[in-house]
Amino acid sequence: MYSAIVTMGDPTGVGLEVFFKAFRVCSDIFTPILVADRSSVEVAKKLVGDVVDRFRFVSTFCEICGGFESPLIYQIDSLDRDITYGKPTYEDVKVAQASIDKAVELISRGIGDVLITLPVSKYYFTKFLGIEFVGHTHYLASKFGLEEYGSEYLMLFVTPDFKVAFLSDHLPLAQAISLVKKRRIIEVVQLLLEYRLDIEPIAVCGLNPHAGEGGLLGREEIEEIIPAVEELRARGVNIDGPFSPDCAIDLALEGKFETVLSLYHDQVLVPIKLIYKRKNVNVTVGLPYIRLSPDHGTAYEIAGLGVADCSSMVEVVKVGSILLKNRGRM
């Protein structure tokens, strides 16, 4: 049993619905503190029912500083407001941001073993808050002065069978391709190996069709990827490649690789989402605490219908337990 600080996500999306549904299934695995406003919770209760009544509202740090043994809701705003599913307003986005910031404060002060973030909209965060919000990963890293993706922090997906690390994350494709460099590949692998999770052996994807076909279809494999793999091997890392992405995934599915290194966001993310159907977990490597999130977004198109699938959130809770055991904290 472990404790988790959970952000509320976008109150007009499916985040709170999947959280409460997952809690029904996983209440014997974790004890959460959900950071949310009362209005959003009351609206969510209409979808998920009396499971919400198992949570007690608190509103001050003093109420939890001595620890907690039952599920709580840390109330961040007591004002009544209207919420329309699928149509976020400035107020919705502002309270979602307040939830993230308060959650970071709590876990930084030693409350909770794990931080779990529920989905928000990058578009609406940027539109309403006037900040360039490209995702939780960068936002949370910035809270701790981490600036360099790849060498200081990293996005890692955990699937039911293997893991996927990303050489870059939310970037335009042309920019992501420009970052396929020997030094960056080495830095990403080094950061991965510092994380307390089984990472090796590692399969590195190629960038070009058929991993470049010996230079016929591109030079990145010859000039950047193969030299990186060779240097890492010389340092004792169990790593191979480059493989075409389909081969890398197939070999990982066969159990021959523990981790696949994807050279850009969609290269391997799209296949694993198709294969595992919302059973992947997003992990941020490099933060001073464990941060996890489900692998889906706000799903505005089904928000409020009560049909959201909580499978990924359930996997999030399970992976949290695994990571804590690897750190000797359970």
C-alpha atoms as a PDB file:
ATOM      1  CA  MET A   1       0.000   0.000   0.000  1.00  0.00           C
ATOM      2  CA  TYR A   2       1.381   3.383  -0.927  1.00  0.00           C
ATOM      3  CA  SER A   3       0.202   6.974  -1.011  1.00  0.00           C
ATOM      4  CA  ALA A   4      -0.182   9.158  -4.089  1.00  0.00           C
ATOM      5  CA  ILE A   5      -0.806  12.817  -4.794  1.00  0.00           C
ATOM      6  CA  VAL A   6      -3.185  13.033  -7.770  1.00  0.00           C
ATOM      7  CA  THR A   7      -3.868  16.139  -9.846  1.00  0.00           C
ATOM      8  CA  MET A   8      -7.430  16.656 -11.080  1.00  0.00           C
ATOM      9  CA  GLY A   9      -6.647  17.247 -14.741  1.00  0.00           C
ATOM     10  CA  ASP A  10      -9.073  19.184 -16.925  1.00  0.00           C
ATOM     11  CA  PRO A  11     -12.437  19.117 -15.107  1.00  0.00           C
ATOM     12  CA  THR A  12     -14.260  19.151 -18.446  1.00  0.00           C
ATOM     13  CA  GLY A  13     -12.437  16.014 -19.636  1.00  0.00           C
ATOM     14  CA  VAL A  14     -12.453  12.382 -18.494  1.00  0.00           C
ATOM     15  CA  GLY A  15      -9.708  12.653 -15.861  1.00  0.00           C
ATOM     16  CA  LEU A  16     -11.794  12.622 -12.700  1.00  0.00           C
ATOM     17  CA  GLU A  17     -14.057   9.925 -14.107  1.00  0.00           C
ATOM     18  CA  VAL A  18     -11.168   7.520 -14.802  1.00  0.00           C
ATOM     19  CA  PHE A  19      -9.567   8.344 -11.460  1.00  0.00           C
ATOM     20  CA  PHE A  20     -12.627   7.448  -9.377  1.00  0.00           C
ATOM     21  CA  LYS A  21     -13.345   4.370 -11.498  1.00  0.00           C
ATOM     22  CA  ALA A  22      -9.752   3.191 -11.027  1.00  0.00           C
ATOM     23  CA  PHE A  23      -9.938   3.823  -7.297  1.00  0.00           C
ATOM     24  CA  ARG A  24     -12.843   1.364  -7.078  1.00  0.00           C
ATOM     25  CA  VAL A  25     -10.521  -1.284  -8.538  1.00  0.00           C
ATOM     26  CA  CYS A  26      -7.253  -0.306  -6.830  1.00  0.00           C
ATOM     27  CA  SER A  27      -8.213   0.939  -3.377  1.00  0.00           C
ATOM     28  CA  ASP A  28      -6.236  -1.947  -1.874  1.00  0.00           C
ATOM     29  CA  ILE A  29      -3.048  -0.818  -3.650  1.00  0.00           C
ATOM     30  CA  PHE A  30      -2.847   2.917  -2.976  1.00  0.00           C
ATOM     31  CA  THR A  31      -4.267   5.700  -0.840  1.00  0.00           C
ATOM     32  CA  PRO A  32      -4.689   8.906  -2.842  1.00  0.00           C
ATOM     33  CA  ILE A  33      -4.915  12.584  -2.065  1.00  0.00           C
ATOM     34  CA  LEU A  34      -6.787  14.101  -4.976  1.00  0.00           C
ATOM     35  CA  VAL A  35      -6.030  17.821  -5.386  1.00  0.00           C
ATOM     36  CA  ALA A  36      -9.245  19.312  -6.754  1.00  0.00           C
ATOM     37  CA  ASP A  37     -11.975  21.870  -6.320  1.00  0.00           C
ATOM     38  CA  ARG A  38     -15.325  20.899  -4.816  1.00  0.00           C
ATOM     39  CA  SER A  39     -17.409  21.912  -7.844  1.00  0.00           C
ATOM     40  CA  SER A  40     -15.478  19.586 -10.180  1.00  0.00           C
ATOM     41  CA  VAL A  41     -15.730  16.687  -7.735  1.00  0.00           C
ATOM     42  CA  GLU A  42     -19.479  17.174  -7.311  1.00  0.00           C
ATOM     43  CA  VAL A  43     -19.975  17.157 -11.080  1.00  0.00           C
ATOM     44  CA  ALA A  44     -17.848  14.006 -11.395  1.00  0.00           C
ATOM     45  CA  LYS A  45     -19.900  12.326  -8.671  1.00  0.00           C
ATOM     46  CA  LYS A  46     -22.929  12.395 -10.980  1.00  0.00           C
ATOM     47  CA  LEU A  47     -20.969  10.061 -13.286  1.00  0.00           C
ATOM     48  CA  VAL A  48     -19.200   7.762 -10.834  1.00  0.00           C
ATOM     49  CA  GLY A  49     -21.597   7.624  -7.883  1.00  0.00           C
ATOM     50  CA  ASP A  50     -20.968   7.063  -4.213  1.00  0.00           C
ATOM     51  CA  VAL A  51     -17.288   6.113  -4.538  1.00  0.00           C
ATOM     52  CA  VAL A  52     -16.681   9.848  -4.048  1.00  0.00           C
ATOM     53  CA  ASP A  53     -18.158   9.574  -0.547  1.00  0.00           C
ATOM     54  CA  ARG A  54     -15.177   7.465   0.523  1.00  0.00           C
ATOM     55  CA  PHE A  55     -13.049  10.629   0.290  1.00  0.00           C
ATOM     56  CA  ARG A  56     -12.804  13.287   2.981  1.00  0.00           C
ATOM     57  CA  PHE A  57     -12.192  16.935   2.115  1.00  0.00           C
ATOM     58  CA  VAL A  58      -9.239  18.762   3.685  1.00  0.00           C
ATOM     59  CA  SER A  59      -7.971  22.245   2.921  1.00  0.00           C
ATOM     60  CA  THR A  60      -4.784  22.851   4.913  1.00  0.00           C
ATOM     61  CA  PHE A  61      -1.342  21.295   5.027  1.00  0.00           C
ATOM     62  CA  CYS A  62      -1.636  20.792   8.781  1.00  0.00           C
ATOM     63  CA  GLU A  63      -4.449  18.292   8.232  1.00  0.00           C
ATOM     64  CA  ILE A  64      -2.140  15.941   6.318  1.00  0.00           C
ATOM     65  CA  CYS A  65       1.390  16.736   7.527  1.00  0.00           C
ATOM     66  CA  GLY A  66       1.289  13.825   9.958  1.00  0.00           C
ATOM     67  CA  GLY A  67       0.388  11.355   7.230  1.00  0.00           C
ATOM     68  CA  PHE A  68      -2.946   9.940   6.154  1.00  0.00           C
ATOM     69  CA  GLU A  69      -4.542   6.520   6.048  1.00  0.00           C
ATOM     70  CA  SER A  70      -7.772   7.190   4.153  1.00  0.00           C
ATOM     71  CA  PRO A  71      -8.439   8.778   0.739  1.00  0.00           C
ATOM     72  CA  LEU A  72      -8.616  12.557   0.801  1.00  0.00           C
ATOM     73  CA  ILE A  73      -9.498  15.462  -1.440  1.00  0.00           C
ATOM     74  CA  TYR A  74      -7.268  18.478  -0.901  1.00  0.00           C
ATOM     75  CA  GLN A  75      -9.633  21.315  -1.730  1.00  0.00           C
ATOM     76  CA  ILE A  76      -8.051  24.142  -3.722  1.00  0.00           C
ATOM     77  CA  ASP A  77     -11.124  26.273  -4.434  1.00  0.00           C
ATOM     78  CA  SER A  78     -14.478  26.441  -2.668  1.00  0.00           C
ATOM     79  CA  LEU A  79     -16.263  28.689  -5.170  1.00  0.00           C
ATOM     80  CA  ASP A  80     -19.293  27.277  -6.948  1.00  0.00           C
ATOM     81  CA  ARG A  81     -19.007  27.362 -10.723  1.00  0.00           C
ATOM     82  CA  ASP A  82     -20.667  25.800 -13.724  1.00  0.00           C
ATOM     83  CA  ILE A  83     -18.777  23.081 -15.592  1.00  0.00           C
ATOM     84  CA  THR A  84     -19.612  21.973 -19.127  1.00  0.00           C
ATOM     85  CA  TYR A  85     -17.962  18.777 -20.303  1.00  0.00           C
ATOM     86  CA  GLY A  86     -15.872  19.196 -23.421  1.00  0.00           C
ATOM     87  CA  LYS A  87     -15.879  22.990 -23.233  1.00  0.00           C
ATOM     88  CA  PRO A  88     -13.117  24.239 -20.934  1.00  0.00           C
ATOM     89  CA  THR A  89     -13.128  27.851 -19.812  1.00  0.00           C
ATOM     90  CA  TYR A  90     -10.397  30.027 -18.380  1.00  0.00           C
ATOM     91  CA  GLU A  91     -11.620  29.132 -14.874  1.00  0.00           C
ATOM     92  CA  ASP A  92     -11.414  25.398 -15.634  1.00  0.00           C
ATOM     93  CA  VAL A  93      -7.859  25.683 -16.894  1.00  0.00           C
ATOM     94  CA  LYS A  94      -6.815  27.911 -14.025  1.00  0.00           C
ATOM     95  CA  VAL A  95      -8.046  25.461 -11.412  1.00  0.00           C
ATOM     96  CA  ALA A  96      -6.333  22.593 -13.288  1.00  0.00           C
ATOM     97  CA  GLN A  97      -3.062  24.530 -13.129  1.00  0.00           C
ATOM     98  CA  ALA A  98      -3.611  25.263  -9.434  1.00  0.00           C
ATOM     99  CA  SER A  99      -4.075  21.539  -8.877  1.00  0.00           C
ATOM    100  CA  ILE A 100      -0.719  20.751 -10.511  1.00  0.00           C
ATOM    101  CA  ASP A 101       1.104  23.458  -8.581  1.00  0.00           C
ATOM    102  CA  LYS A 102      -0.378  22.418  -5.235  1.00  0.00           C
ATOM    103  CA  ALA A 103       0.369  18.752  -5.939  1.00  0.00           C
ATOM    104  CA  VAL A 104       4.016  19.596  -6.658  1.00  0.00           C
ATOM    105  CA  GLU A 105       4.165  21.577  -3.420  1.00  0.00           C
ATOM    106  CA  LEU A 106       2.735  18.693  -1.413  1.00  0.00           C
ATOM    107  CA  ILE A 107       5.021  16.001  -2.780  1.00  0.00           C
ATOM    108  CA  SER A 108       8.009  18.338  -2.476  1.00  0.00           C
ATOM    109  CA  ARG A 109       7.149  18.702   1.222  1.00  0.00           C
ATOM    110  CA  GLY A 110       7.186  14.946   1.708  1.00  0.00           C
ATOM    111  CA  ILE A 111       3.480  14.194   1.391  1.00  0.00           C
ATOM    112  CA  GLY A 112       2.831  11.119  -0.760  1.00  0.00           C
ATOM    113  CA  ASP A 113       5.106   8.554  -2.374  1.00  0.00           C
ATOM    114  CA  VAL A 114       4.125   9.173  -6.006  1.00  0.00           C
ATOM    115  CA  LEU A 115       2.703  12.003  -8.107  1.00  0.00           C
ATOM    116  CA  ILE A 116      -0.011  11.029 -10.596  1.00  0.00           C
ATOM    117  CA  THR A 117      -1.184  13.599 -13.127  1.00  0.00           C
ATOM    118  CA  LEU A 118      -4.503  13.420 -14.944  1.00  0.00           C
ATOM    119  CA  PRO A 119      -4.882  14.759 -18.505  1.00  0.00           C
ATOM    120  CA  VAL A 120      -5.045  18.430 -19.435  1.00  0.00           C
ATOM    121  CA  SER A 121      -5.178  20.141 -22.808  1.00  0.00           C
ATOM    122  CA  LYS A 122      -1.913  21.632 -24.063  1.00  0.00           C
ATOM    123  CA  TYR A 123      -3.912  23.828 -26.422  1.00  0.00           C
ATOM    124  CA  TYR A 124      -6.196  25.334 -23.767  1.00  0.00           C
ATOM    125  CA  PHE A 125      -3.384  25.775 -21.230  1.00  0.00           C
ATOM    126  CA  THR A 126      -1.487  27.783 -23.814  1.00  0.00           C
ATOM    127  CA  LYS A 127      -4.568  29.694 -24.989  1.00  0.00           C
ATOM    128  CA  PHE A 128      -5.961  30.705 -21.605  1.00  0.00           C
ATOM    129  CA  LEU A 129      -2.824  30.994 -19.465  1.00  0.00           C
ATOM    130  CA  GLY A 130      -0.558  32.635 -22.004  1.00  0.00           C
ATOM    131  CA  ILE A 131       2.235  30.121 -21.444  1.00  0.00           C
ATOM    132  CA  GLU A 132       3.839  27.721 -23.893  1.00  0.00           C
ATOM    133  CA  PHE A 133       2.554  24.502 -22.340  1.00  0.00           C
ATOM    134  CA  VAL A 134       3.835  21.469 -24.242  1.00  0.00           C
ATOM    135  CA  GLY A 135       2.964  18.924 -21.579  1.00  0.00           C
ATOM    136  CA  HIS A 136       3.251  17.920 -17.937  1.00  0.00           C
ATOM    137  CA  THR A 137       6.757  16.536 -18.496  1.00  0.00           C
ATOM    138  CA  HIS A 138       8.312  19.915 -19.318  1.00  0.00           C
ATOM    139  CA  TYR A 139       6.113  21.853 -16.883  1.00  0.00           C
ATOM    140  CA  LEU A 140       7.072  19.656 -13.936  1.00  0.00           C
ATOM    141  CA  ALA A 141      10.740  19.590 -14.922  1.00  0.00           C
ATOM    142  CA  SER A 142      10.812  23.390 -14.970  1.00  0.00           C
ATOM    143  CA  LYS A 143       9.564  23.451 -11.372  1.00  0.00           C
ATOM    144  CA  PHE A 144      12.877  21.871 -10.361  1.00  0.00           C
ATOM    145  CA  GLY A 145      15.135  23.831 -12.676  1.00  0.00           C
ATOM    146  CA  LEU A 146      15.560  20.988 -15.150  1.00  0.00           C
ATOM    147  CA  GLU A 147      16.029  22.467 -18.605  1.00  0.00           C
ATOM    148  CA  GLU A 148      17.599  19.854 -20.880  1.00  0.00           C
ATOM    149  CA  TYR A 149      15.323  17.102 -22.133  1.00  0.00           C
ATOM    150  CA  GLY A 150      17.372  13.966 -22.668  1.00  0.00           C
ATOM    151  CA  SER A 151      20.228  14.733 -20.303  1.00  0.00           C
ATOM    152  CA  GLU A 152      18.247  15.930 -17.247  1.00  0.00           C
ATOM    153  CA  TYR A 153      14.748  14.517 -17.700  1.00  0.00           C
ATOM    154  CA  LEU A 154      13.018  12.146 -20.063  1.00  0.00           C
ATOM    155  CA  MET A 155       9.680  10.649 -21.081  1.00  0.00           C
ATOM    156  CA  LEU A 156       9.409   6.876 -20.685  1.00  0.00           C
ATOM    157  CA  PHE A 157       6.386   4.722 -21.440  1.00  0.00           C
ATOM    158  CA  VAL A 158       5.856   1.429 -19.630  1.00  0.00           C
ATOM    159  CA  THR A 159       3.772  -1.110 -21.549  1.00  0.00           C
ATOM    160  CA  PRO A 160       2.648  -4.484 -20.196  1.00  0.00           C
ATOM    161  CA  ASP A 161       5.642  -6.135 -21.936  1.00  0.00           C
ATOM    162  CA  PHE A 162       8.454  -3.614 -22.435  1.00  0.00           C
ATOM    163  CA  LYS A 163       9.391   0.038 -22.116  1.00  0.00           C
ATOM    164  CA  VAL A 164       9.758   2.846 -24.641  1.00  0.00           C
ATOM    165  CA  ALA A 165      12.076   5.818 -24.184  1.00  0.00           C
ATOM    166  CA  PHE A 166      11.899   8.865 -26.434  1.00  0.00           C
ATOM    167  CA  LEU A 167      14.874  10.743 -27.837  1.00  0.00           C
ATOM    168  CA  SER A 168      12.585  13.774 -28.089  1.00  0.00           C
ATOM    169  CA  ASP A 169       8.963  14.324 -27.142  1.00  0.00           C
ATOM    170  CA  HIS A 170       6.531  17.059 -28.175  1.00  0.00           C
ATOM    171  CA  LEU A 171       8.393  18.646 -31.060  1.00  0.00           C
ATOM    172  CA  PRO A 172       7.630  19.273 -34.733  1.00  0.00           C
ATOM    173  CA  LEU A 173       8.931  16.309 -36.710  1.00  0.00           C
ATOM    174  CA  ALA A 174      11.567  18.299 -38.617  1.00  0.00           C
ATOM    175  CA  GLN A 175      13.007  19.565 -35.330  1.00  0.00           C
ATOM    176  CA  ALA A 176      12.945  16.094 -33.778  1.00  0.00           C
ATOM    177  CA  ILE A 177      14.870  14.663 -36.727  1.00  0.00           C
ATOM    178  CA  SER A 178      17.524  17.344 -36.348  1.00  0.00           C
ATOM    179  CA  LEU A 179      18.144  16.096 -32.788  1.00  0.00           C
ATOM    180  CA  VAL A 180      19.067  12.555 -33.835  1.00  0.00           C
ATOM    181  CA  LYS A 181      22.708  12.906 -32.830  1.00  0.00           C
ATOM    182  CA  LYS A 182      25.288  10.580 -31.307  1.00  0.00           C
ATOM    183  CA  ARG A 183      25.736  12.697 -28.187  1.00  0.00           C
ATOM    184  CA  ARG A 184      22.002  12.931 -27.502  1.00  0.00           C
ATOM    185  CA  ILE A 185      21.482   9.168 -27.879  1.00  0.00           C
ATOM    186  CA  ILE A 186      24.295   8.526 -25.396  1.00  0.00           C
ATOM    187  CA  GLU A 187      22.914  11.064 -22.910  1.00  0.00           C
ATOM    188  CA  VAL A 188      19.398   9.580 -23.076  1.00  0.00           C
ATOM    189  CA  VAL A 189      20.648   6.043 -22.493  1.00  0.00           C
ATOM    190  CA  GLN A 190      22.849   7.170 -19.592  1.00  0.00           C
ATOM    191  CA  LEU A 191      19.883   8.894 -17.949  1.00  0.00           C
ATOM    192  CA  LEU A 192      17.738   5.803 -18.439  1.00  0.00           C
ATOM    193  CA  LEU A 193      20.310   3.580 -16.782  1.00  0.00           C
ATOM    194  CA  GLU A 194      20.264   5.805 -13.682  1.00  0.00           C
ATOM    195  CA  TYR A 195      16.547   5.135 -13.208  1.00  0.00           C
ATOM    196  CA  ARG A 196      15.740   2.240 -10.904  1.00  0.00           C
ATOM    197  CA  LEU A 197      13.885   0.137 -13.413  1.00  0.00           C
ATOM    198  CA  ASP A 198      14.973  -2.782 -15.583  1.00  0.00           C
ATOM    199  CA  ILE A 199      16.134  -1.053 -18.770  1.00  0.00           C
ATOM    200  CA  GLU A 200      18.586  -3.400 -20.516  1.00  0.00           C
ATOM    201  CA  PRO A 201      18.834  -4.797 -23.117  1.00  0.00           C
ATOM    202  CA  ILE A 202      17.963  -1.785 -25.275  1.00  0.00           C
ATOM    203  CA  ALA A 203      16.922  -1.764 -28.935  1.00  0.00           C
ATOM    204  CA  VAL A 204      17.570   1.479 -30.829  1.00  0.00           C
ATOM    205  CA  CYS A 205      15.285   2.328 -33.724  1.00  0.00           C
ATOM    206  CA  GLY A 206      16.608   3.602 -37.011  1.00  0.00           C
ATOM    207  CA  LEU A 207      15.388   6.909 -38.380  1.00  0.00           C
ATOM    208  CA  ASN A 208      15.054   6.212 -42.088  1.00  0.00           C
ATOM    209  CA  PRO A 209      13.078   3.487 -43.900  1.00  0.00           C
ATOM    210  CA  HIS A 210      14.697   0.077 -43.331  1.00  0.00           C
ATOM    211  CA  ALA A 211      17.103   1.775 -40.886  1.00  0.00           C
ATOM    212  CA  GLY A 212      18.778   3.535 -43.799  1.00  0.00           C
ATOM    213  CA  GLU A 213      19.531   0.409 -45.863  1.00  0.00           C
ATOM    214  CA  GLY A 214      23.285   0.841 -45.469  1.00  0.00           C
ATOM    215  CA  GLY A 215      23.178   4.518 -46.356  1.00  0.00           C
ATOM    216  CA  LEU A 216      21.005   4.189 -49.458  1.00  0.00           C
ATOM    217  CA  LEU A 217      17.996   5.762 -47.706  1.00  0.00           C
ATOM    218  CA  GLY A 218      19.696   8.213 -45.393  1.00  0.00           C
ATOM    219  CA  ARG A 219      22.962   8.789 -43.534  1.00  0.00           C
ATOM    220  CA  GLU A 220      21.785   9.300 -39.938  1.00  0.00           C
ATOM    221  CA  GLU A 221      22.204   5.622 -39.058  1.00  0.00           C
ATOM    222  CA  ILE A 222      25.807   5.532 -40.280  1.00  0.00           C
ATOM    223  CA  GLU A 223      26.881   8.948 -39.013  1.00  0.00           C
ATOM    224  CA  GLU A 224      25.031   9.222 -35.682  1.00  0.00           C
ATOM    225  CA  ILE A 225      23.120   6.148 -34.499  1.00  0.00           C
ATOM    226  CA  ILE A 226      25.630   3.338 -35.085  1.00  0.00           C
ATOM    227  CA  PRO A 227      28.532   5.314 -33.545  1.00  0.00           C
ATOM    228  CA  ALA A 228      26.376   5.978 -30.466  1.00  0.00           C
ATOM    229  CA  VAL A 229      25.478   2.295 -30.118  1.00  0.00           C
ATOM    230  CA  GLU A 230      29.118   1.270 -30.519  1.00  0.00           C
ATOM    231  CA  GLU A 231      30.323   3.734 -27.886  1.00  0.00           C
ATOM    232  CA  LEU A 232      27.657   2.639 -25.425  1.00  0.00           C
ATOM    233  CA  ARG A 233      28.568  -0.998 -25.975  1.00  0.00           C
ATOM    234  CA  ALA A 234      32.202  -0.125 -25.286  1.00  0.00           C
ATOM    235  CA  ARG A 235      31.007   1.274 -21.940  1.00  0.00           C
ATOM    236  CA  GLY A 236      29.348  -2.038 -21.127  1.00  0.00           C
ATOM    237  CA  VAL A 237      25.749  -1.187 -22.015  1.00  0.00           C
ATOM    238  CA  ASN A 238      23.633  -4.042 -23.377  1.00  0.00           C
ATOM    239  CA  ILE A 239      22.327  -2.271 -26.474  1.00  0.00           C
ATOM    240  CA  ASP A 240      21.787  -3.058 -30.147  1.00  0.00           C
ATOM    241  CA  GLY A 241      20.567  -1.401 -33.327  1.00  0.00           C
ATOM    242  CA  PRO A 242      19.577   0.431 -35.304  1.00  0.00           C
ATOM    243  CA  PHE A 243      16.514  -1.642 -36.165  1.00  0.00           C
ATOM    244  CA  SER A 244      13.564  -0.577 -38.261  1.00  0.00           C
ATOM    245  CA  PRO A 245      10.830   0.324 -35.750  1.00  0.00           C
ATOM    246  CA  ASP A 246       8.619  -2.656 -36.636  1.00  0.00           C
ATOM    247  CA  CYS A 247      11.511  -5.055 -36.010  1.00  0.00           C
ATOM    248  CA  ALA A 248      12.444  -3.348 -32.733  1.00  0.00           C
ATOM    249  CA  ILE A 249       8.872  -3.648 -31.468  1.00  0.00           C
ATOM    250  CA  ASP A 250       8.571  -7.261 -32.635  1.00  0.00           C
ATOM    251  CA  LEU A 251      11.803  -8.218 -30.878  1.00  0.00           C
ATOM    252  CA  ALA A 252      10.652  -6.491 -27.686  1.00  0.00           C
ATOM    253  CA  LEU A 253       7.338  -8.345 -27.854  1.00  0.00           C
ATOM    254  CA  GLU A 254       9.326 -11.590 -28.090  1.00  0.00           C
ATOM    255  CA  GLY A 255      11.124 -10.653 -24.884  1.00  0.00           C
ATOM    256  CA  LYS A 256      14.506 -10.035 -26.485  1.00  0.00           C
ATOM    257  CA  PHE A 257      14.645  -6.382 -25.432  1.00  0.00           C
ATOM    258  CA  GLU A 258      13.516  -4.640 -22.256  1.00  0.00           C
ATOM    259  CA  THR A 259      13.465  -1.142 -23.747  1.00  0.00           C
ATOM    260  CA  VAL A 260      13.013   0.363 -27.209  1.00  0.00           C
ATOM    261  CA  LEU A 261      14.526   3.784 -27.921  1.00  0.00           C
ATOM    262  CA  SER A 262      12.164   5.753 -30.166  1.00  0.00           C
ATOM    263  CA  LEU A 263      13.855   8.549 -32.119  1.00  0.00           C
ATOM    264  CA  TYR A 264      10.788  10.793 -32.175  1.00  0.00           C
ATOM    265  CA  HIS A 265       7.413  10.993 -30.456  1.00  0.00           C
ATOM    266  CA  ASP A 266       5.129   9.020 -32.770  1.00  0.00           C
ATOM    267  CA  GLN A 267       7.648   6.476 -34.081  1.00  0.00           C
ATOM    268  CA  VAL A 268       6.886   3.879 -31.411  1.00  0.00           C
ATOM    269  CA  LEU A 269       4.132   5.603 -29.417  1.00  0.00           C
ATOM    270  CA  VAL A 270       1.529   5.062 -32.137  1.00  0.00           C
ATOM    271  CA  PRO A 271       2.191   1.293 -32.397  1.00  0.00           C
ATOM    272  CA  ILE A 272       2.135   0.673 -28.644  1.00  0.00           C
ATOM    273  CA  LYS A 273      -1.132   2.573 -28.263  1.00  0.00           C
ATOM    274  CA  LEU A 274      -2.649   0.398 -30.986  1.00  0.00           C
ATOM    275  CA  ILE A 275      -1.249  -2.791 -29.453  1.00  0.00           C
ATOM    276  CA  TYR A 276      -2.076  -2.162 -25.810  1.00  0.00           C
ATOM    277  CA  LYS A 277      -5.288  -0.119 -25.990  1.00  0.00           C
ATOM    278  CA  ARG A 278      -4.905   2.283 -23.060  1.00  0.00           C
ATOM    279  CA  LYS A 279      -2.734   0.028 -20.899  1.00  0.00           C
ATOM    280  CA  ASN A 280       0.433   2.117 -21.167  1.00  0.00           C
ATOM    281  CA  VAL A 281       1.840   4.342 -18.430  1.00  0.00           C
ATOM    282  CA  ASN A 282       3.778   7.580 -18.894  1.00  0.00           C
ATOM    283  CA  VAL A 283       6.742   7.962 -16.521  1.00  0.00           C
ATOM    284  CA  THR A 284       8.954  11.032 -16.151  1.00  0.00           C
ATOM    285  CA  VAL A 285      12.593  10.086 -15.584  1.00  0.00           C
ATOM    286  CA  GLY A 286      14.803  12.610 -13.791  1.00  0.00           C
ATOM    287  CA  LEU A 287      12.400  14.266 -11.342  1.00  0.00           C
ATOM    288  CA  PRO A 288      13.168  14.029  -7.600  1.00  0.00           C
ATOM    289  CA  TYR A 289      10.001  11.950  -7.155  1.00  0.00           C
ATOM    290  CA  ILE A 290       8.092   9.323  -9.140  1.00  0.00           C
ATOM    291  CA  ARG A 291       5.652  10.898 -11.594  1.00  0.00           C
ATOM    292  CA  LEU A 292       3.159   8.827 -13.578  1.00  0.00           C
ATOM    293  CA  SER A 293       0.178   9.479 -15.823  1.00  0.00           C
ATOM    294  CA  PRO A 294      -2.259   7.535 -18.006  1.00  0.00           C
ATOM    295  CA  ASP A 295      -1.457   7.389 -21.716  1.00  0.00           C
ATOM    296  CA  HIS A 296      -4.533   9.248 -22.971  1.00  0.00           C
ATOM    297  CA  GLY A 297      -5.744  12.829 -23.161  1.00  0.00           C
ATOM    298  CA  THR A 298      -8.827  14.709 -22.054  1.00  0.00           C
ATOM    299  CA  ALA A 299     -11.133  12.847 -24.482  1.00  0.00           C
ATOM    300  CA  TYR A 300     -13.576  15.745 -24.667  1.00  0.00           C
ATOM    301  CA  GLU A 301     -15.692  13.860 -27.201  1.00  0.00           C
ATOM    302  CA  ILE A 302     -16.807  11.317 -24.571  1.00  0.00           C
ATOM    303  CA  ALA A 303     -16.457  13.441 -21.430  1.00  0.00           C
ATOM    304  CA  GLY A 304     -19.602  13.426 -19.324  1.00  0.00           C
ATOM    305  CA  LEU A 305     -21.029  10.286 -20.936  1.00  0.00           C
ATOM    306  CA  GLY A 306     -19.782   7.943 -18.220  1.00  0.00           C
ATOM    307  CA  VAL A 307     -18.131   5.587 -20.721  1.00  0.00           C
ATOM    308  CA  ALA A 308     -14.445   6.445 -20.209  1.00  0.00           C
ATOM    309  CA  ASP A 309     -12.128   3.425 -19.883  1.00  0.00           C
ATOM    310  CA  CYS A 310     -10.000   3.502 -16.718  1.00  0.00           C
ATOM    311  CA  SER A 311      -7.575   0.746 -17.833  1.00  0.00           C
ATOM    312  CA  SER A 312      -4.584   3.056 -18.211  1.00  0.00           C
ATOM    313  CA  MET A 313      -5.226   4.634 -14.819  1.00  0.00           C
ATOM    314  CA  VAL A 314      -5.345   1.178 -13.237  1.00  0.00           C
ATOM    315  CA  GLU A 315      -1.975   0.391 -14.844  1.00  0.00           C
ATOM    316  CA  VAL A 316      -0.618   3.686 -13.488  1.00  0.00           C
ATOM    317  CA  VAL A 317      -1.448   2.598  -9.943  1.00  0.00           C
ATOM    318  CA  LYS A 318       0.177  -0.807 -10.483  1.00  0.00           C
ATOM    319  CA  VAL A 319       3.360   0.659 -11.984  1.00  0.00           C
ATOM    320  CA  GLY A 320       3.628   3.033  -9.033  1.00  0.00           C
ATOM    321  CA  SER A 321       3.777   0.022  -6.741  1.00  0.00           C
ATOM    322  CA  ILE A 322       6.468  -1.633  -8.889  1.00  0.00           C
ATOM    323  CA  LEU A 323       8.667   1.472  -8.978  1.00  0.00           C
ATOM    324  CA  LEU A 324       8.447   1.955  -5.229  1.00  0.00           C
ATOM    325  CA  LYS A 325       9.397  -1.683  -4.611  1.00  0.00           C
ATOM    326  CA  ASN A 326      12.430  -1.208  -6.878  1.00  0.00           C
ATOM    327  CA  ARG A 327      13.451   1.669  -4.629  1.00  0.00           C
ATOM    328  CA  GLY A 328      12.952  -0.348  -1.464  1.00  0.00           C
ATOM    329  CA  ARG A 329      10.114   1.898  -0.302  1.00  0.00           C
ATOM    330  CA  MET A 330       7.410  -0.755  -0.039  1.00  0.00           C
END
